[in-house]
Amino acid sequence: KQWYQRRVAITAGMEEHMRLNHFRNHYELTRKNLMAKNLKRLRKQIERDSGKIEAAKCDFFPTTFELPADYHIFVEEFKRSPNSTWIIKPIAKAQGKGIFTFRKIKG
């Protein structure tokens, strides 16, 4: 009943053909760090259920690290690909703000 009352309050004044473009936990897909986490989780689940060949179909997104937690893993990957260009995307920013590329790590 509580859900229905909330729906009525949210949709009050909307015409019958109108729909809301929102769903619960939408930030799990709209935040870059959470989307990467969920895609990695999906790949692992498919690998457990169907094997590595099927899981390889999830390799459509680039190798992703969440810093600072994955820093050491990132540095290992960085050393394996010395001429690669890397992209930094801040977690809670949008419209390209704060994004930059780099090819070297200081220190």
Protein backbone atom coordinates (compact mmCIF):
# COMPACT_ATOMS: atom_id res chain seq x y z
CA LYS A 1 0.00 0.00 0.00
CA GLN A 2 2.83 2.41 0.82
CA TRP A 3 4.40 1.86 -2.63
CA TYR A 4 1.06 2.56 -4.31
CA GLN A 5 0.54 5.76 -2.31
CA ARG A 6 4.01 6.95 -3.29
CA ARG A 7 3.34 6.14 -6.95
CA VAL A 8 0.11 8.11 -6.86
CA ALA A 9 1.92 11.08 -5.32
CA ILE A 10 4.72 10.97 -7.92
CA THR A 11 2.47 10.47 -10.93
CA ALA A 12 -0.24 12.94 -9.88
CA GLY A 13 -0.93 15.32 -12.73
CA MET A 14 0.61 13.08 -15.39
CA GLU A 15 -1.42 12.01 -18.37
CA GLU A 16 -2.10 8.29 -18.93
CA HIS A 17 0.39 7.92 -21.80
CA MET A 18 3.28 9.51 -19.83
CA ARG A 19 5.99 7.37 -18.19
CA LEU A 20 8.74 8.08 -15.70
CA ASN A 21 12.31 7.44 -16.81
CA HIS A 22 13.60 6.25 -13.43
CA PHE A 23 14.19 2.99 -11.65
CA ARG A 24 15.44 1.91 -8.27
CA ASN A 25 19.22 2.01 -7.77
CA HIS A 26 19.74 3.75 -11.12
CA TYR A 27 23.11 5.04 -9.88
CA GLU A 28 24.41 1.44 -10.18
CA LEU A 29 24.51 2.09 -13.95
CA THR A 30 24.92 5.85 -14.14
CA ARG A 31 27.98 6.14 -11.88
CA LYS A 32 31.12 5.07 -13.77
CA ASN A 33 32.69 3.26 -10.82
CA LEU A 34 29.54 1.31 -9.96
CA MET A 35 28.84 0.39 -13.58
CA ALA A 36 32.37 -1.00 -13.91
CA LYS A 37 31.95 -2.93 -10.67
CA ASN A 38 28.67 -4.44 -11.88
CA LEU A 39 30.09 -5.35 -15.30
CA LYS A 40 33.04 -7.09 -13.62
CA ARG A 41 30.62 -8.93 -11.34
CA LEU A 42 28.52 -9.98 -14.35
CA ARG A 43 31.59 -11.32 -16.14
CA LYS A 44 32.61 -13.39 -13.09
CA GLN A 45 29.08 -14.77 -12.73
CA ILE A 46 28.91 -15.76 -16.41
CA GLU A 47 32.35 -17.38 -16.12
CA ARG A 48 31.16 -19.45 -13.13
CA ASP A 49 27.90 -20.42 -14.82
CA SER A 50 28.94 -20.86 -18.45
CA GLY A 51 32.73 -20.83 -18.71
CA LYS A 52 35.46 -18.52 -19.94
CA ILE A 53 34.45 -18.56 -23.60
CA GLU A 54 30.99 -17.24 -22.81
CA ALA A 55 32.39 -14.73 -20.29
CA ALA A 56 34.75 -13.37 -22.96
CA LYS A 57 31.68 -11.82 -24.60
CA CYS A 58 31.75 -9.32 -21.73
CA ASP A 59 35.09 -7.94 -22.89
CA PHE A 60 33.43 -5.00 -24.63
CA PHE A 61 34.48 -2.48 -21.97
CA PRO A 62 38.06 -1.38 -21.24
CA THR A 63 40.15 -2.60 -18.33
CA THR A 64 38.95 -0.48 -15.43
CA PHE A 65 40.45 0.36 -12.06
CA GLU A 66 38.95 2.26 -9.15
CA LEU A 67 41.62 4.36 -7.50
CA PRO A 68 43.00 4.46 -4.90
CA ALA A 69 41.74 0.96 -3.97
CA ASP A 70 43.08 -0.69 -7.16
CA TYR A 71 46.28 1.39 -7.40
CA HIS A 72 48.76 -1.49 -7.07
CA ILE A 73 46.88 -3.61 -9.62
CA PHE A 74 46.74 -0.61 -11.94
CA VAL A 75 50.52 -0.03 -11.66
CA GLU A 76 51.17 -3.67 -12.63
CA GLU A 77 48.94 -3.31 -15.71
CA PHE A 78 50.52 0.07 -16.51
CA LYS A 79 54.00 -1.51 -16.53
CA ARG A 80 52.79 -4.29 -18.87
CA SER A 81 51.58 -1.69 -21.39
CA PRO A 82 54.26 1.03 -21.35
CA ASN A 83 53.12 2.93 -24.48
CA SER A 84 49.41 2.97 -23.69
CA THR A 85 47.36 6.08 -23.11
CA TRP A 86 45.26 5.97 -19.94
CA ILE A 87 42.10 7.91 -19.15
CA ILE A 88 41.16 9.21 -15.71
CA LYS A 89 37.46 9.82 -15.14
CA PRO A 90 36.39 11.22 -11.76
CA ILE A 91 33.64 9.24 -10.05
CA ALA A 92 31.10 11.94 -9.29
CA LYS A 93 31.48 14.33 -12.21
CA ALA A 94 29.61 14.59 -15.52
CA GLN A 95 29.78 16.17 -18.97
CA GLY A 96 33.51 15.51 -19.36
CA LYS A 97 34.53 17.55 -16.33
CA GLY A 98 37.76 16.40 -14.70
CA ILE A 99 38.67 13.86 -17.41
CA PHE A 100 42.28 13.73 -18.53
CA THR A 101 44.71 11.36 -20.24
CA PHE A 102 48.27 10.38 -19.36
CA ARG A 103 51.09 8.10 -20.47
CA LYS A 104 53.51 8.35 -17.53
CA ILE A 105 53.30 7.98 -13.75
CA LYS A 106 55.47 10.21 -11.60
CA GLY A 107 57.56 8.57 -8.94
